[in-house]
């Protein structure tokens, strides 16, 4: 996404579905900010609530505790993607305890 944002003369994005994006730099900035916010939420959940590690479901429950079912379904996918990104950045680590996946700060 960052590479797209830095394309010279980027004025329009024609997505495969949805509306034409005629303000791509602002739209991409908003997407990146939301991704950063999600990373902060997951890191905060792991940091503030877990000395024994948190499962993806526990993280989901902390972040989306008051959300409707549909939002929680979508939120679960975002939590999993965010966990994978944070692992890749080596900000968190994964451990399996009694067949349960738990995440800790790295």
PDB file of N, CA and C in Angstrom:
ATOM      1  N   UNK A   1       0.830  -1.191   0.000  1.00  0.00           N
ATOM      2  CA  UNK A   1       0.000   0.000   0.000  1.00  0.00           C
ATOM      3  C   UNK A   1       0.872   1.250   0.000  1.00  0.00           C
ATOM      4  N   UNK A   2       1.954   1.214   0.777  1.00  0.00           N
ATOM      5  CA  UNK A   2       2.844   2.384   0.826  1.00  0.00           C
ATOM      6  C   UNK A   2       3.466   2.656  -0.541  1.00  0.00           C
ATOM      7  N   UNK A   3       3.800   1.589  -1.273  1.00  0.00           N
ATOM      8  CA  UNK A   3       4.379   1.762  -2.608  1.00  0.00           C
ATOM      9  C   UNK A   3       3.382   2.429  -3.547  1.00  0.00           C
ATOM     10  N   UNK A   4       2.125   2.036  -3.444  1.00  0.00           N
ATOM     11  CA  UNK A   4       1.092   2.653  -4.289  1.00  0.00           C
ATOM     12  C   UNK A   4       0.962   4.133  -3.949  1.00  0.00           C
ATOM     13  N   UNK A   5       0.973   4.438  -2.661  1.00  0.00           N
ATOM     14  CA  UNK A   5       0.822   5.825  -2.218  1.00  0.00           C
ATOM     15  C   UNK A   5       1.936   6.715  -2.772  1.00  0.00           C
ATOM     16  N   UNK A   6       3.108   6.158  -2.957  1.00  0.00           N
ATOM     17  CA  UNK A   6       4.258   6.940  -3.417  1.00  0.00           C
ATOM     18  C   UNK A   6       4.420   6.977  -4.934  1.00  0.00           C
ATOM     19  N   UNK A   7       3.482   6.407  -5.659  1.00  0.00           N
ATOM     20  CA  UNK A   7       3.565   6.468  -7.120  1.00  0.00           C
ATOM     21  C   UNK A   7       3.454   7.920  -7.585  1.00  0.00           C
ATOM     22  N   UNK A   8       4.316   8.325  -8.514  1.00  0.00           N
ATOM     23  CA  UNK A   8       4.213   9.699  -9.011  1.00  0.00           C
ATOM     24  C   UNK A   8       2.928   9.864  -9.826  1.00  0.00           C
ATOM     25  N   UNK A   9       2.337  11.019  -9.744  1.00  0.00           N
ATOM     26  CA  UNK A   9       1.127  11.357 -10.509  1.00  0.00           C
ATOM     27  C   UNK A   9      -0.073  10.468 -10.190  1.00  0.00           C
ATOM     28  N   UNK A  10      -0.131   9.923  -8.997  1.00  0.00           N
ATOM     29  CA  UNK A  10      -1.274   9.096  -8.604  1.00  0.00           C
ATOM     30  C   UNK A  10      -2.476  10.004  -8.365  1.00  0.00           C
ATOM     31  N   UNK A  11      -3.470   9.876  -9.218  1.00  0.00           N
ATOM     32  CA  UNK A  11      -4.644  10.743  -9.118  1.00  0.00           C
ATOM     33  C   UNK A  11      -5.948   9.965  -9.021  1.00  0.00           C
ATOM     34  N   UNK A  12      -5.900   8.689  -9.354  1.00  0.00           N
ATOM     35  CA  UNK A  12      -7.130   7.912  -9.436  1.00  0.00           C
ATOM     36  C   UNK A  12      -6.806   6.432  -9.247  1.00  0.00           C
ATOM     37  N   UNK A  13      -7.687   5.726  -8.535  1.00  0.00           N
ATOM     38  CA  UNK A  13      -7.581   4.272  -8.426  1.00  0.00           C
ATOM     39  C   UNK A  13      -8.912   3.694  -8.876  1.00  0.00           C
ATOM     40  N   UNK A  14      -8.840   2.729  -9.779  1.00  0.00           N
ATOM     41  CA  UNK A  14     -10.027   2.032 -10.268  1.00  0.00           C
ATOM     42  C   UNK A  14     -10.016   0.621  -9.676  1.00  0.00           C
ATOM     43  N   UNK A  15     -10.661   0.441  -8.519  1.00  0.00           N
ATOM     44  CA  UNK A  15     -10.626  -0.871  -7.865  1.00  0.00           C
ATOM     45  C   UNK A  15     -11.461  -1.908  -8.617  1.00  0.00           C
ATOM     46  N   UNK A  16     -11.190  -3.164  -8.357  1.00  0.00           N
ATOM     47  CA  UNK A  16     -11.938  -4.258  -8.989  1.00  0.00           C
ATOM     48  C   UNK A  16     -13.399  -4.240  -8.563  1.00  0.00           C
ATOM     49  N   UNK A  17     -13.671  -3.743  -7.377  1.00  0.00           N
ATOM     50  CA  UNK A  17     -15.054  -3.581  -6.917  1.00  0.00           C
ATOM     51  C   UNK A  17     -15.119  -2.318  -6.071  1.00  0.00           C
ATOM     52  N   UNK A  18     -16.285  -1.786  -5.931  1.00  0.00           N
ATOM     53  CA  UNK A  18     -16.443  -0.553  -5.173  1.00  0.00           C
ATOM     54  C   UNK A  18     -16.334   0.665  -6.071  1.00  0.00           C
ATOM     55  N   UNK A  19     -16.383   1.809  -5.436  1.00  0.00           N
ATOM     56  CA  UNK A  19     -16.381   3.064  -6.174  1.00  0.00           C
ATOM     57  C   UNK A  19     -14.977   3.482  -6.595  1.00  0.00           C
ATOM     58  N   UNK A  20     -14.925   4.323  -7.611  1.00  0.00           N
ATOM     59  CA  UNK A  20     -13.665   4.916  -8.062  1.00  0.00           C
ATOM     60  C   UNK A  20     -13.108   5.765  -6.921  1.00  0.00           C
ATOM     61  N   UNK A  21     -11.811   5.669  -6.717  1.00  0.00           N
ATOM     62  CA  UNK A  21     -11.152   6.455  -5.671  1.00  0.00           C
ATOM     63  C   UNK A  21     -10.455   7.620  -6.352  1.00  0.00           C
ATOM     64  N   UNK A  22     -11.017   8.819  -6.163  1.00  0.00           N
ATOM     65  CA  UNK A  22     -10.441   9.987  -6.826  1.00  0.00           C
ATOM     66  C   UNK A  22      -9.563  10.820  -5.892  1.00  0.00           C
ATOM     67  N   UNK A  23      -9.388  10.366  -4.669  1.00  0.00           N
ATOM     68  CA  UNK A  23      -8.454  10.991  -3.732  1.00  0.00           C
ATOM     69  C   UNK A  23      -7.561   9.897  -3.131  1.00  0.00           C
ATOM     70  N   UNK A  24      -6.766   9.232  -3.975  1.00  0.00           N
ATOM     71  CA  UNK A  24      -6.045   8.030  -3.537  1.00  0.00           C
ATOM     72  C   UNK A  24      -5.050   8.265  -2.406  1.00  0.00           C
ATOM     73  N   UNK A  25      -4.337   9.365  -2.415  1.00  0.00           N
ATOM     74  CA  UNK A  25      -3.329   9.576  -1.364  1.00  0.00           C
ATOM     75  C   UNK A  25      -3.992   9.698   0.006  1.00  0.00           C
ATOM     76  N   UNK A  26      -5.106  10.433   0.073  1.00  0.00           N
ATOM     77  CA  UNK A  26      -5.825  10.573   1.337  1.00  0.00           C
ATOM     78  C   UNK A  26      -6.447   9.247   1.767  1.00  0.00           C
ATOM     79  N   UNK A  27      -7.015   8.526   0.811  1.00  0.00           N
ATOM     80  CA  UNK A  27      -7.636   7.236   1.111  1.00  0.00           C
ATOM     81  C   UNK A  27      -6.594   6.244   1.618  1.00  0.00           C
ATOM     82  N   UNK A  28      -5.456   6.192   0.966  1.00  0.00           N
ATOM     83  CA  UNK A  28      -4.389   5.281   1.388  1.00  0.00           C
ATOM     84  C   UNK A  28      -3.856   5.688   2.756  1.00  0.00           C
ATOM     85  N   UNK A  29      -3.717   6.983   3.001  1.00  0.00           N
ATOM     86  CA  UNK A  29      -3.277   7.451   4.324  1.00  0.00           C
ATOM     87  C   UNK A  29      -4.244   6.987   5.409  1.00  0.00           C
ATOM     88  N   UNK A  30      -5.539   7.066   5.133  1.00  0.00           N
ATOM     89  CA  UNK A  30      -6.547   6.620   6.099  1.00  0.00           C
ATOM     90  C   UNK A  30      -6.446   5.111   6.335  1.00  0.00           C
ATOM     91  N   UNK A  31      -6.213   4.349   5.278  1.00  0.00           N
ATOM     92  CA  UNK A  31      -6.058   2.893   5.404  1.00  0.00           C
ATOM     93  C   UNK A  31      -4.827   2.566   6.248  1.00  0.00           C
ATOM     94  N   UNK A  32      -3.718   3.242   5.976  1.00  0.00           N
ATOM     95  CA  UNK A  32      -2.489   2.999   6.739  1.00  0.00           C
ATOM     96  C   UNK A  32      -2.665   3.379   8.204  1.00  0.00           C
ATOM     97  N   UNK A  33      -3.368   4.476   8.469  1.00  0.00           N
ATOM     98  CA  UNK A  33      -3.615   4.886   9.851  1.00  0.00           C
ATOM     99  C   UNK A  33      -4.463   3.842  10.575  1.00  0.00           C
ATOM    100  N   UNK A  34      -5.457   3.301   9.888  1.00  0.00           N
ATOM    101  CA  UNK A  34      -6.300   2.261  10.497  1.00  0.00           C
ATOM    102  C   UNK A  34      -5.477   1.001  10.785  1.00  0.00           C
ATOM    103  N   UNK A  35      -4.577   0.654   9.880  1.00  0.00           N
ATOM    104  CA  UNK A  35      -3.701  -0.499  10.112  1.00  0.00           C
ATOM    105  C   UNK A  35      -2.807  -0.257  11.327  1.00  0.00           C
ATOM    106  N   UNK A  36      -2.255   0.950  11.433  1.00  0.00           N
ATOM    107  CA  UNK A  36      -1.408   1.293  12.580  1.00  0.00           C
ATOM    108  C   UNK A  36      -2.205   1.262  13.882  1.00  0.00           C
ATOM    109  N   UNK A  37      -3.443   1.765  13.822  1.00  0.00           N
ATOM    110  CA  UNK A  37      -4.311   1.741  15.003  1.00  0.00           C
ATOM    111  C   UNK A  37      -4.585   0.305  15.439  1.00  0.00           C
ATOM    112  N   UNK A  38      -4.843  -0.563  14.480  1.00  0.00           N
ATOM    113  CA  UNK A  38      -5.109  -1.968  14.789  1.00  0.00           C
ATOM    114  C   UNK A  38      -3.865  -2.615  15.411  1.00  0.00           C
ATOM    115  N   UNK A  39      -2.697  -2.312  14.874  1.00  0.00           N
ATOM    116  CA  UNK A  39      -1.457  -2.834  15.463  1.00  0.00           C
ATOM    117  C   UNK A  39      -1.328  -2.381  16.909  1.00  0.00           C
ATOM    118  N   UNK A  40      -1.586  -1.092  17.161  1.00  0.00           N
ATOM    119  CA  UNK A  40      -1.493  -0.568  18.533  1.00  0.00           C
ATOM    120  C   UNK A  40      -2.486  -1.274  19.455  1.00  0.00           C
ATOM    121  N   UNK A  41      -3.706  -1.504  18.969  1.00  0.00           N
ATOM    122  CA  UNK A  41      -4.711  -2.179  19.793  1.00  0.00           C
ATOM    123  C   UNK A  41      -4.261  -3.588  20.170  1.00  0.00           C
ATOM    124  N   UNK A  42      -3.733  -4.317  19.213  1.00  0.00           N
ATOM    125  CA  UNK A  42      -3.288  -5.691  19.479  1.00  0.00           C
ATOM    126  C   UNK A  42      -2.085  -5.679  20.419  1.00  0.00           C
ATOM    127  N   UNK A  43      -1.125  -4.807  20.165  1.00  0.00           N
ATOM    128  CA  UNK A  43       0.047  -4.717  21.047  1.00  0.00           C
ATOM    129  C   UNK A  43      -0.358  -4.305  22.460  1.00  0.00           C
ATOM    130  N   UNK A  44      -1.269  -3.343  22.579  1.00  0.00           N
ATOM    131  CA  UNK A  44      -1.737  -2.918  23.901  1.00  0.00           C
ATOM    132  C   UNK A  44      -2.442  -4.055  24.628  1.00  0.00           C
ATOM    133  N   UNK A  45      -3.267  -4.808  23.907  1.00  0.00           N
ATOM    134  CA  UNK A  45      -3.965  -5.939  24.523  1.00  0.00           C
ATOM    135  C   UNK A  45      -2.960  -6.949  25.067  1.00  0.00           C
ATOM    136  N   UNK A  46      -1.975  -7.287  24.257  1.00  0.00           N
ATOM    137  CA  UNK A  46      -0.967  -8.265  24.681  1.00  0.00           C
ATOM    138  C   UNK A  46      -0.154  -7.714  25.849  1.00  0.00           C
ATOM    139  N   UNK A  47       0.230  -6.456  25.775  1.00  0.00           N
ATOM    140  CA  UNK A  47       1.055  -5.839  26.811  1.00  0.00           C
ATOM    141  C   UNK A  47       0.300  -5.674  28.133  1.00  0.00           C
ATOM    142  N   UNK A  48      -0.946  -5.241  28.072  1.00  0.00           N
ATOM    143  CA  UNK A  48      -1.680  -4.878  29.287  1.00  0.00           C
ATOM    144  C   UNK A  48      -2.447  -6.013  29.949  1.00  0.00           C
ATOM    145  N   UNK A  49      -2.688  -7.089  29.251  1.00  0.00           N
ATOM    146  CA  UNK A  49      -3.567  -8.118  29.795  1.00  0.00           C
ATOM    147  C   UNK A  49      -2.925  -9.497  29.865  1.00  0.00           C
ATOM    148  N   UNK A  50      -1.646  -9.569  29.651  1.00  0.00           N
ATOM    149  CA  UNK A  50      -1.144 -10.918  29.541  1.00  0.00           C
ATOM    150  C   UNK A  50       0.273 -11.106  30.036  1.00  0.00           C
ATOM    151  N   UNK A  51       0.358 -11.789  31.135  1.00  0.00           N
ATOM    152  CA  UNK A  51       1.664 -12.302  31.538  1.00  0.00           C
ATOM    153  C   UNK A  51       1.748 -13.775  31.144  1.00  0.00           C
ATOM    154  N   UNK A  52       0.579 -14.367  30.891  1.00  0.00           N
ATOM    155  CA  UNK A  52       0.508 -15.775  30.497  1.00  0.00           C
ATOM    156  C   UNK A  52       0.237 -15.936  29.009  1.00  0.00           C
ATOM    157  N   UNK A  53       0.205 -14.839  28.266  1.00  0.00           N
ATOM    158  CA  UNK A  53      -0.073 -14.890  26.838  1.00  0.00           C
ATOM    159  C   UNK A  53      -1.562 -14.755  26.555  1.00  0.00           C
ATOM    160  N   UNK A  54      -1.871 -14.294  25.363  1.00  0.00           N
ATOM    161  CA  UNK A  54      -3.264 -14.150  24.936  1.00  0.00           C
ATOM    162  C   UNK A  54      -3.491 -14.930  23.654  1.00  0.00           C
ATOM    163  N   UNK A  55      -4.631 -15.581  23.570  1.00  0.00           N
ATOM    164  CA  UNK A  55      -5.017 -16.275  22.342  1.00  0.00           C
ATOM    165  C   UNK A  55      -5.643 -15.258  21.388  1.00  0.00           C
ATOM    166  N   UNK A  56      -5.731 -15.596  20.102  1.00  0.00           N
ATOM    167  CA  UNK A  56      -6.414 -14.691  19.168  1.00  0.00           C
ATOM    168  C   UNK A  56      -7.847 -14.376  19.607  1.00  0.00           C
ATOM    169  N   UNK A  57      -8.565 -15.365  20.142  1.00  0.00           N
ATOM    170  CA  UNK A  57      -9.935 -15.114  20.605  1.00  0.00           C
ATOM    171  C   UNK A  57      -9.966 -14.150  21.787  1.00  0.00           C
ATOM    172  N   UNK A  58      -9.012 -14.266  22.690  1.00  0.00           N
ATOM    173  CA  UNK A  58      -8.959 -13.339  23.821  1.00  0.00           C
ATOM    174  C   UNK A  58      -8.669 -11.915  23.341  1.00  0.00           C
ATOM    175  N   UNK A  59      -7.772 -11.791  22.378  1.00  0.00           N
ATOM    176  CA  UNK A  59      -7.470 -10.475  21.811  1.00  0.00           C
ATOM    177  C   UNK A  59      -8.713  -9.915  21.136  1.00  0.00           C
ATOM    178  N   UNK A  60      -9.394 -10.738  20.367  1.00  0.00           N
ATOM    179  CA  UNK A  60     -10.635 -10.328  19.703  1.00  0.00           C
ATOM    180  C   UNK A  60     -11.653  -9.833  20.727  1.00  0.00           C
ATOM    181  N   UNK A  61     -11.807 -10.562  21.822  1.00  0.00           N
ATOM    182  CA  UNK A  61     -12.772 -10.174  22.853  1.00  0.00           C
ATOM    183  C   UNK A  61     -12.399  -8.858  23.521  1.00  0.00           C
ATOM    184  N   UNK A  62     -11.127  -8.595  23.681  1.00  0.00           N
ATOM    185  CA  UNK A  62     -10.701  -7.325  24.276  1.00  0.00           C
ATOM    186  C   UNK A  62     -10.955  -6.151  23.337  1.00  0.00           C
ATOM    187  N   UNK A  63     -10.660  -6.333  22.069  1.00  0.00           N
ATOM    188  CA  UNK A  63     -10.758  -5.230  21.107  1.00  0.00           C
ATOM    189  C   UNK A  63     -12.194  -5.012  20.640  1.00  0.00           C
ATOM    190  N   UNK A  64     -12.928  -6.077  20.429  1.00  0.00           N
ATOM    191  CA  UNK A  64     -14.273  -5.989  19.858  1.00  0.00           C
ATOM    192  C   UNK A  64     -15.353  -6.424  20.851  1.00  0.00           C
ATOM    193  N   UNK A  65     -15.166  -6.162  22.127  1.00  0.00           N
ATOM    194  CA  UNK A  65     -16.080  -6.662  23.156  1.00  0.00           C
ATOM    195  C   UNK A  65     -17.510  -6.160  23.001  1.00  0.00           C
ATOM    196  N   UNK A  66     -17.688  -4.958  22.496  1.00  0.00           N
ATOM    197  CA  UNK A  66     -19.037  -4.388  22.397  1.00  0.00           C
ATOM    198  C   UNK A  66     -19.564  -4.362  20.967  1.00  0.00           C
ATOM    199  N   UNK A  67     -18.881  -5.029  20.074  1.00  0.00           N
ATOM    200  CA  UNK A  67     -19.265  -4.992  18.659  1.00  0.00           C
ATOM    201  C   UNK A  67     -20.309  -6.052  18.332  1.00  0.00           C
ATOM    202  N   UNK A  68     -21.020  -5.812  17.256  1.00  0.00           N
ATOM    203  CA  UNK A  68     -22.020  -6.768  16.779  1.00  0.00           C
ATOM    204  C   UNK A  68     -21.328  -7.978  16.163  1.00  0.00           C
ATOM    205  N   UNK A  69     -22.099  -9.053  15.989  1.00  0.00           N
ATOM    206  CA  UNK A  69     -21.548 -10.327  15.520  1.00  0.00           C
ATOM    207  C   UNK A  69     -20.818 -10.183  14.183  1.00  0.00           C
ATOM    208  N   UNK A  70     -21.406  -9.482  13.220  1.00  0.00           N
ATOM    209  CA  UNK A  70     -20.784  -9.332  11.906  1.00  0.00           C
ATOM    210  C   UNK A  70     -19.434  -8.613  12.019  1.00  0.00           C
ATOM    211  N   UNK A  71     -19.389  -7.561  12.827  1.00  0.00           N
ATOM    212  CA  UNK A  71     -18.139  -6.820  13.026  1.00  0.00           C
ATOM    213  C   UNK A  71     -17.092  -7.716  13.672  1.00  0.00           C
ATOM    214  N   UNK A  72     -17.511  -8.554  14.604  1.00  0.00           N
ATOM    215  CA  UNK A  72     -16.570  -9.469  15.266  1.00  0.00           C
ATOM    216  C   UNK A  72     -16.027 -10.510  14.287  1.00  0.00           C
ATOM    217  N   UNK A  73     -16.868 -10.966  13.354  1.00  0.00           N
ATOM    218  CA  UNK A  73     -16.404 -11.937  12.349  1.00  0.00           C
ATOM    219  C   UNK A  73     -15.317 -11.304  11.488  1.00  0.00           C
ATOM    220  N   UNK A  74     -15.570 -10.098  11.012  1.00  0.00           N
ATOM    221  CA  UNK A  74     -14.567  -9.383  10.216  1.00  0.00           C
ATOM    222  C   UNK A  74     -13.355  -9.046  11.087  1.00  0.00           C
ATOM    223  N   UNK A  75     -13.618  -8.635  12.314  1.00  0.00           N
ATOM    224  CA  UNK A  75     -12.544  -8.283  13.239  1.00  0.00           C
ATOM    225  C   UNK A  75     -11.600  -9.440  13.504  1.00  0.00           C
ATOM    226  N   UNK A  76     -12.136 -10.651  13.551  1.00  0.00           N
ATOM    227  CA  UNK A  76     -11.283 -11.831  13.786  1.00  0.00           C
ATOM    228  C   UNK A  76     -10.237 -11.964  12.684  1.00  0.00           C
ATOM    229  N   UNK A  77     -10.666 -11.789  11.439  1.00  0.00           N
ATOM    230  CA  UNK A  77      -9.708 -11.868  10.330  1.00  0.00           C
ATOM    231  C   UNK A  77      -8.636 -10.788  10.453  1.00  0.00           C
ATOM    232  N   UNK A  78      -9.048  -9.576  10.825  1.00  0.00           N
ATOM    233  CA  UNK A  78      -8.077  -8.491  10.981  1.00  0.00           C
ATOM    234  C   UNK A  78      -7.109  -8.763  12.131  1.00  0.00           C
ATOM    235  N   UNK A  79      -7.613  -9.323  13.224  1.00  0.00           N
ATOM    236  CA  UNK A  79      -6.739  -9.647  14.353  1.00  0.00           C
ATOM    237  C   UNK A  79      -5.698 -10.675  13.918  1.00  0.00           C
ATOM    238  N   UNK A  80      -6.126 -11.706  13.212  1.00  0.00           N
ATOM    239  CA  UNK A  80      -5.194 -12.745  12.749  1.00  0.00           C
ATOM    240  C   UNK A  80      -4.149 -12.147  11.805  1.00  0.00           C
ATOM    241  N   UNK A  81      -4.588 -11.330  10.848  1.00  0.00           N
ATOM    242  CA  UNK A  81      -3.634 -10.679   9.933  1.00  0.00           C
ATOM    243  C   UNK A  81      -2.659  -9.787  10.690  1.00  0.00           C
ATOM    244  N   UNK A  82      -3.173  -9.056  11.662  1.00  0.00           N
ATOM    245  CA  UNK A  82      -2.324  -8.160  12.448  1.00  0.00           C
ATOM    246  C   UNK A  82      -1.317  -8.957  13.262  1.00  0.00           C
ATOM    247  N   UNK A  83      -1.746 -10.067  13.847  1.00  0.00           N
ATOM    248  CA  UNK A  83      -0.815 -10.918  14.592  1.00  0.00           C
ATOM    249  C   UNK A  83       0.303 -11.420  13.680  1.00  0.00           C
ATOM    250  N   UNK A  84      -0.045 -11.826  12.463  1.00  0.00           N
ATOM    251  CA  UNK A  84       0.976 -12.295  11.514  1.00  0.00           C
ATOM    252  C   UNK A  84       1.956 -11.175  11.171  1.00  0.00           C
ATOM    253  N   UNK A  85       1.432  -9.965  10.951  1.00  0.00           N
ATOM    254  CA  UNK A  85       2.308  -8.825  10.639  1.00  0.00           C
ATOM    255  C   UNK A  85       3.234  -8.508  11.809  1.00  0.00           C
ATOM    256  N   UNK A  86       2.687  -8.515  13.022  1.00  0.00           N
ATOM    257  CA  UNK A  86       3.493  -8.204  14.200  1.00  0.00           C
ATOM    258  C   UNK A  86       4.551  -9.275  14.452  1.00  0.00           C
ATOM    259  N   UNK A  87       4.220 -10.530  14.160  1.00  0.00           N
ATOM    260  CA  UNK A  87       5.221 -11.605  14.260  1.00  0.00           C
ATOM    261  C   UNK A  87       6.340 -11.378  13.249  1.00  0.00           C
ATOM    262  N   UNK A  88       5.962 -11.034  12.031  1.00  0.00           N
ATOM    263  CA  UNK A  88       6.953 -10.803  10.976  1.00  0.00           C
ATOM    264  C   UNK A  88       7.883  -9.647  11.347  1.00  0.00           C
ATOM    265  N   UNK A  89       7.339  -8.627  12.009  1.00  0.00           N
ATOM    266  CA  UNK A  89       8.138  -7.481  12.456  1.00  0.00           C
ATOM    267  C   UNK A  89       8.913  -7.794  13.738  1.00  0.00           C
ATOM    268  N   UNK A  90       8.705  -9.005  14.276  1.00  0.00           N
ATOM    269  CA  UNK A  90       9.353  -9.480  15.500  1.00  0.00           C
ATOM    270  C   UNK A  90       8.997  -8.629  16.717  1.00  0.00           C
ATOM    271  N   UNK A  91       7.759  -8.128  16.744  1.00  0.00           N
ATOM    272  CA  UNK A  91       7.273  -7.363  17.889  1.00  0.00           C
ATOM    273  C   UNK A  91       6.546  -8.259  18.888  1.00  0.00           C
ATOM    274  N   UNK A  92       6.064  -9.406  18.400  1.00  0.00           N
ATOM    275  CA  UNK A  92       5.419 -10.388  19.269  1.00  0.00           C
ATOM    276  C   UNK A  92       5.968 -11.769  18.935  1.00  0.00           C
ATOM    277  N   UNK A  93       5.730 -12.695  19.846  1.00  0.00           N
ATOM    278  CA  UNK A  93       6.123 -14.083  19.588  1.00  0.00           C
ATOM    279  C   UNK A  93       4.951 -14.992  19.932  1.00  0.00           C
ATOM    280  N   UNK A  94       4.931 -16.125  19.279  1.00  0.00           N
ATOM    281  CA  UNK A  94       3.857 -17.106  19.437  1.00  0.00           C
ATOM    282  C   UNK A  94       4.401 -18.313  20.185  1.00  0.00           C
ATOM    283  N   UNK A  95       3.577 -18.845  21.089  1.00  0.00           N
ATOM    284  CA  UNK A  95       3.903 -20.063  21.816  1.00  0.00           C
ATOM    285  C   UNK A  95       2.653 -20.934  21.845  1.00  0.00           C
ATOM    286  N   UNK A  96       2.841 -22.235  21.756  1.00  0.00           N
ATOM    287  CA  UNK A  96       1.710 -23.155  21.860  1.00  0.00           C
ATOM    288  C   UNK A  96       1.796 -23.843  23.217  1.00  0.00           C
ATOM    289  N   UNK A  97       0.716 -23.693  23.997  1.00  0.00           N
ATOM    290  CA  UNK A  97       0.636 -24.292  25.324  1.00  0.00           C
ATOM    291  C   UNK A  97      -0.645 -25.113  25.385  1.00  0.00           C
ATOM    292  N   UNK A  98      -0.507 -26.413  25.623  1.00  0.00           N
ATOM    293  CA  UNK A  98      -1.669 -27.313  25.693  1.00  0.00           C
ATOM    294  C   UNK A  98      -2.573 -27.138  24.476  1.00  0.00           C
ATOM    295  N   UNK A  99      -1.964 -27.162  23.305  1.00  0.00           N
ATOM    296  CA  UNK A  99      -2.655 -27.056  22.012  1.00  0.00           C
ATOM    297  C   UNK A  99      -3.366 -25.718  21.815  1.00  0.00           C
ATOM    298  N   UNK A 100      -2.983 -24.709  22.584  1.00  0.00           N
ATOM    299  CA  UNK A 100      -3.579 -23.383  22.463  1.00  0.00           C
ATOM    300  C   UNK A 100      -2.486 -22.387  22.079  1.00  0.00           C
ATOM    301  N   UNK A 101      -2.740 -21.626  21.012  1.00  0.00           N
ATOM    302  CA  UNK A 101      -1.780 -20.644  20.539  1.00  0.00           C
ATOM    303  C   UNK A 101      -1.897 -19.379  21.384  1.00  0.00           C
ATOM    304  N   UNK A 102      -0.765 -18.947  21.956  1.00  0.00           N
ATOM    305  CA  UNK A 102      -0.729 -17.751  22.788  1.00  0.00           C
ATOM    306  C   UNK A 102       0.322 -16.788  22.254  1.00  0.00           C
ATOM    307  N   UNK A 103       0.057 -15.499  22.410  1.00  0.00           N
ATOM    308  CA  UNK A 103       0.973 -14.468  21.931  1.00  0.00           C
ATOM    309  C   UNK A 103       1.478 -13.632  23.094  1.00  0.00           C
ATOM    310  N   UNK A 104       2.770 -13.277  22.997  1.00  0.00           N
ATOM    311  CA  UNK A 104       3.465 -12.469  23.995  1.00  0.00           C
ATOM    312  C   UNK A 104       4.233 -11.374  23.264  1.00  0.00           C
ATOM    313  N   UNK A 105       4.594 -10.326  23.998  1.00  0.00           N
ATOM    314  CA  UNK A 105       5.509  -9.350  23.417  1.00  0.00           C
ATOM    315  C   UNK A 105       6.858 -10.020  23.215  1.00  0.00           C
ATOM    316  N   UNK A 106       7.560  -9.639  22.175  1.00  0.00           N
ATOM    317  CA  UNK A 106       8.866 -10.247  21.875  1.00  0.00           C
ATOM    318  C   UNK A 106       9.924  -9.713  22.825  1.00  0.00           C
TER     319      UNK A 106
END
